[in-house]
Protein backbone atom coordinates (compact mmCIF):
# COMPACT_ATOMS: atom_id res chain seq x y z
CA UNK A 1 -12.84 -2.49 -21.75
CA UNK A 2 -9.89 -1.31 -23.54
CA UNK A 3 -7.56 -3.87 -21.81
CA UNK A 4 -9.95 -6.65 -22.78
CA UNK A 5 -9.23 -5.79 -26.45
CA UNK A 6 -6.08 -5.37 -25.98
CA UNK A 7 -5.52 -8.69 -24.19
CA UNK A 8 -7.07 -10.48 -27.41
CA UNK A 9 -4.96 -8.56 -30.11
CA UNK A 10 -1.71 -7.77 -28.26
CA UNK A 11 -1.34 -9.81 -25.17
CA UNK A 12 2.06 -8.27 -24.04
CA UNK A 13 0.93 -4.83 -24.56
CA UNK A 14 -2.12 -5.39 -22.45
CA UNK A 15 0.09 -6.75 -19.47
CA UNK A 16 2.15 -3.87 -19.82
CA UNK A 17 -0.80 -1.52 -19.89
CA UNK A 18 -2.20 -3.15 -16.74
CA UNK A 19 0.99 -2.96 -14.76
CA UNK A 20 1.32 0.84 -15.62
CA UNK A 21 -2.20 1.15 -14.55
CA UNK A 22 -1.50 -0.54 -11.54
CA UNK A 23 1.27 1.35 -10.42
CA UNK A 24 -0.23 4.51 -11.30
CA UNK A 25 -3.41 3.97 -8.64
CA UNK A 26 -0.54 2.65 -6.16
CA UNK A 27 1.44 5.74 -6.45
CA UNK A 28 -2.13 7.55 -6.24
CA UNK A 29 -2.76 5.99 -3.12
CA UNK A 30 0.68 6.57 -1.34
CA UNK A 31 -0.48 9.94 -0.04
CA UNK A 32 -3.32 8.36 1.47
CA UNK A 33 -1.61 5.59 3.00
CA UNK A 34 1.04 7.99 4.75
CA UNK A 35 -1.80 9.81 6.20
CA UNK A 36 -3.44 6.59 7.79
CA UNK A 37 0.24 5.95 8.85
CA UNK A 38 0.73 9.31 10.62
CA UNK A 39 -2.58 9.27 12.52
CA UNK A 40 -1.74 5.59 13.78
CA UNK A 41 2.02 6.89 14.89
CA UNK A 42 0.47 9.71 16.67
CA UNK A 43 -2.27 7.70 18.38
CA UNK A 44 0.74 5.10 19.38
CA UNK A 45 2.60 7.80 20.69
CA UNK A 46 -0.41 9.02 22.74
CA UNK A 47 -1.25 5.69 23.68
CA UNK A 48 2.64 5.03 24.99
CA UNK A 49 2.33 1.83 23.16
CA UNK A 50 6.18 0.40 22.13
CA UNK A 51 6.98 1.72 18.52
CA UNK A 52 8.46 -1.57 17.57
CA UNK A 53 5.15 -3.56 17.42
CA UNK A 54 3.78 -0.48 15.48
CA UNK A 55 6.94 -0.68 13.02
CA UNK A 56 6.30 -4.38 12.80
CA UNK A 57 2.54 -3.97 12.19
CA UNK A 58 3.43 -1.68 9.13
CA UNK A 59 6.08 -4.10 7.77
CA UNK A 60 3.24 -7.05 8.09
CA UNK A 61 0.65 -4.64 6.11
CA UNK A 62 3.25 -3.61 3.66
CA UNK A 63 4.52 -7.02 2.66
CA UNK A 64 0.53 -8.01 2.72
CA UNK A 65 -0.18 -5.07 0.19
CA UNK A 66 2.98 -5.67 -2.13
CA UNK A 67 2.45 -9.66 -2.06
CA UNK A 68 -0.67 -8.85 -3.37
CA UNK A 69 -0.16 -6.61 -5.84
CA UNK A 70 2.53 -8.97 -7.06
CA UNK A 71 0.01 -11.89 -7.01
CA UNK A 72 -2.39 -9.86 -9.37
CA UNK A 73 0.70 -8.95 -11.95
CA UNK A 74 1.51 -12.49 -12.15
CA UNK A 75 -2.01 -13.56 -12.43
CA UNK A 76 -2.50 -10.91 -15.21
CA UNK A 77 0.56 -12.35 -16.91
CA UNK A 78 -1.20 -15.85 -16.74
CA UNK A 79 1.27 -17.10 -14.53
CA UNK A 80 -0.66 -18.72 -11.80
CA UNK A 81 2.28 -21.06 -10.51
CA UNK A 82 4.28 -18.21 -9.98
CA UNK A 83 1.69 -16.33 -8.30
CA UNK A 84 0.98 -19.37 -5.98
CA UNK A 85 4.54 -18.94 -4.87
CA UNK A 86 4.64 -15.36 -4.39
CA UNK A 87 1.82 -15.60 -1.95
CA UNK A 88 3.44 -18.66 -0.36
CA UNK A 89 6.59 -16.55 0.44
CA UNK A 90 4.11 -13.46 1.46
CA UNK A 91 2.93 -15.43 4.08
CA UNK A 92 5.98 -17.22 5.64
CA UNK A 93 7.70 -13.51 5.57
CA UNK A 94 4.50 -12.32 7.34
CA UNK A 95 4.90 -15.02 10.02
CA UNK A 96 8.40 -14.32 10.29
CA UNK A 97 7.96 -10.48 10.72
CA UNK A 98 4.87 -11.62 13.40
CA UNK A 99 7.46 -13.87 15.38
CA UNK A 100 8.59 -11.23 17.70
CA UNK A 101 5.14 -10.00 18.78
CA UNK A 102 3.84 -13.68 19.43
CA UNK A 103 7.01 -14.02 21.81
CA UNK A 104 5.96 -10.63 23.69
CA UNK A 105 2.59 -11.83 23.96
CA UNK A 106 3.55 -15.43 25.02
CA UNK A 107 6.05 -13.80 27.75
CA UNK A 108 3.37 -11.37 29.09
CA UNK A 109 1.04 -14.12 29.33
CA UNK A 110 3.95 -16.17 31.27
CA UNK A 111 4.41 -13.34 33.75
CA UNK A 112 0.58 -13.41 34.14
CA UNK A 113 0.22 -16.97 35.11
CA UNK A 114 1.18 -18.32 38.52
CA UNK A 115 3.52 -20.86 39.24
C-alpha cells in the first residue's frame, strides 16, 4: 500500500524502497537456503553422488534465483526491455552451466548402448 502511494508521488523513492525491501527479504532467507543446501549436501554424500553435479545444480539454481531477482527489479523500474535482456542472459548462463551435466548423461547413454 505504501509503495502504491509512493509510486504515484515519488517513483524513485518507491523503487529504492522496493529494492531495499527485496534485499532484506533475500538476506533473511539466506539462512533458510543455507539449511536446505546443507541437507542436500549431506544426502549427496550419503548417496555417493559426484559433488560436481550437485555443485553445478546449485550454481544453476543460484543463477535462476538471482536472474529472477534482477528481472523483478528491472520491471519495478519500468525497464521491460532490460528485464527481457536479463532474462535471456540468465537462460544462456544456465544452458552453459548445464552443458557438462548433459554431456555426462549422453556419455553414460552411449556406454549403455550396444555397438
